[in-house]
Structure formats: C-alpha cells, structure tokens
C-alpha cells in the first residue's frame, strides 16, 4: 500500500473537486434550458390560445423535471463538507503518525 504525503492527499481530491464543479455547471445549464422551454411554451400558448392542451402538458412536464432536479443542488454543500472533513481527518492522522 502506497503511503500518501500531505500533498498526495490534497492531489487525490482533485478529481472529486473537478467532478463537483462539472456537476454544478451541468445543473445550471439544465435549469436554464428548462426555464427557456417554459418561456417558449408560454409564448406559443399566447399565440395559439385556442389549444390549451399544449400549454398544460408541455409546461407541466418541464415544471416536473425542474422540480425533480431541484433536490440535487441541496446535496452539493453536504458533499463538500464531507470531503473537507475527510481531508482534515486524513491530515490529522498523517500528522500524528509523523509525530511518533
């Protein structure tokens, strides 16, 4: 088993940090796309006021997807806190081993 130095422990977290940033960017883009879809449905519905089924199905489905995705960003800060806690525990145990 390879021993990690303090720098090695921090470097081991780099892929996790990159993954969290990518997930955050994808979520932001997804929310923007669904907001634009809702705006387009509203503008189409105001042009075709005779057909309300398009508005209700399209708008409601895009709203359902947005509501389902809205739970995901709440977990990102929890994941970050857990990763920072793991890093601190790893550094403390590393320093204790070096002090012996």
Protein backbone atom coordinates (compact mmCIF):
# COMPACT_ATOMS: atom_id res chain seq x y z
CA UNK A 1 0.00 0.00 0.00
CA UNK A 2 1.38 3.35 -1.05
CA UNK A 3 1.71 6.00 1.68
CA UNK A 4 0.25 9.35 0.82
CA UNK A 5 2.05 12.52 1.77
CA UNK A 6 0.15 15.65 2.69
CA UNK A 7 0.46 16.91 -0.89
CA UNK A 8 -0.60 13.50 -2.17
CA UNK A 9 -3.76 13.62 -0.09
CA UNK A 10 -4.68 17.01 -1.48
CA UNK A 11 -3.86 15.89 -5.03
CA UNK A 12 -6.10 12.85 -4.54
CA UNK A 13 -9.06 15.19 -4.04
CA UNK A 14 -8.55 17.00 -7.34
CA UNK A 15 -10.76 14.61 -9.40
CA UNK A 16 -13.55 14.95 -6.85
CA UNK A 17 -13.39 18.74 -6.94
CA UNK A 18 -13.44 18.73 -10.75
CA UNK A 19 -16.44 16.36 -10.71
CA UNK A 20 -18.37 18.62 -8.32
CA UNK A 21 -17.69 21.67 -10.50
CA UNK A 22 -18.80 19.79 -13.63
CA UNK A 23 -22.00 18.62 -11.90
CA UNK A 24 -22.76 22.17 -10.80
CA UNK A 25 -22.23 23.53 -14.32
CA UNK A 26 -24.43 20.81 -15.86
CA UNK A 27 -27.19 21.55 -13.34
CA UNK A 28 -27.07 25.28 -14.06
CA UNK A 29 -27.25 24.68 -17.80
CA UNK A 30 -30.11 22.20 -17.30
CA UNK A 31 -32.09 24.67 -15.21
CA UNK A 32 -31.54 27.40 -17.79
CA UNK A 33 -32.70 25.12 -20.61
CA UNK A 34 -35.88 24.12 -18.77
CA UNK A 35 -36.62 27.76 -17.90
CA UNK A 36 -36.26 28.66 -21.57
CA UNK A 37 -38.53 25.76 -22.54
CA UNK A 38 -41.18 27.03 -20.13
CA UNK A 39 -40.89 30.54 -21.57
CA UNK A 40 -41.25 29.19 -25.11
CA UNK A 41 -44.33 27.18 -24.12
CA UNK A 42 -45.91 30.27 -22.60
CA UNK A 43 -45.17 32.34 -25.72
CA UNK A 44 -46.51 29.60 -28.02
CA UNK A 45 -49.62 29.29 -25.88
CA UNK A 46 -50.31 33.03 -26.06
CA UNK A 47 -50.14 32.81 -29.88
CA UNK A 48 -52.35 29.69 -30.04
CA UNK A 49 -54.87 30.45 -27.32
CA UNK A 50 -57.38 28.01 -28.78
CA UNK A 51 -55.21 24.95 -27.92
CA UNK A 52 -54.69 24.80 -24.16
CA UNK A 53 -53.59 21.14 -24.10
CA UNK A 54 -50.16 22.05 -25.48
CA UNK A 55 -49.62 24.51 -22.66
CA UNK A 56 -50.75 22.24 -19.85
CA UNK A 57 -48.81 19.13 -20.92
CA UNK A 58 -45.63 20.85 -22.05
CA UNK A 59 -45.47 23.37 -19.23
CA UNK A 60 -46.36 20.85 -16.55
CA UNK A 61 -43.81 18.30 -17.78
CA UNK A 62 -41.00 20.86 -17.88
CA UNK A 63 -42.04 22.07 -14.41
CA UNK A 64 -42.00 18.47 -13.12
CA UNK A 65 -38.47 17.92 -14.43
CA UNK A 66 -37.29 21.19 -12.91
CA UNK A 67 -38.83 20.27 -9.55
CA UNK A 68 -37.23 16.82 -9.66
CA UNK A 69 -33.81 18.31 -10.40
CA UNK A 70 -34.13 20.97 -7.69
CA UNK A 71 -33.24 18.46 -4.95
CA UNK A 72 -29.78 17.78 -6.39
CA UNK A 73 -28.10 21.16 -5.67
CA UNK A 74 -29.02 20.83 -1.99
CA UNK A 75 -26.70 17.84 -1.68
CA UNK A 76 -23.62 19.55 -3.15
CA UNK A 77 -22.73 21.55 0.01
CA UNK A 78 -23.15 18.40 2.11
CA UNK A 79 -20.78 16.52 -0.18
CA UNK A 80 -18.24 19.36 0.02
CA UNK A 81 -18.41 19.41 3.85
CA UNK A 82 -17.91 15.63 3.99
CA UNK A 83 -14.91 15.86 1.65
CA UNK A 84 -13.34 18.66 3.69
CA UNK A 85 -13.95 16.67 6.88
CA UNK A 86 -12.32 13.61 5.36
CA UNK A 87 -9.35 15.73 4.31
CA UNK A 88 -8.95 17.15 7.82
CA UNK A 89 -9.21 13.72 9.44
CA UNK A 90 -6.64 12.40 6.98
CA UNK A 91 -4.25 15.26 7.67
CA UNK A 92 -4.63 14.89 11.45
CA UNK A 93 -3.93 11.17 11.30
CA UNK A 94 -0.98 11.83 8.98
CA UNK A 95 0.49 14.37 11.40
CA UNK A 96 0.03 12.01 14.35
CA UNK A 97 1.87 9.22 12.52
CA UNK A 98 4.72 11.59 11.69
CA UNK A 99 4.97 12.80 15.31
CA UNK A 100 5.56 9.26 16.58
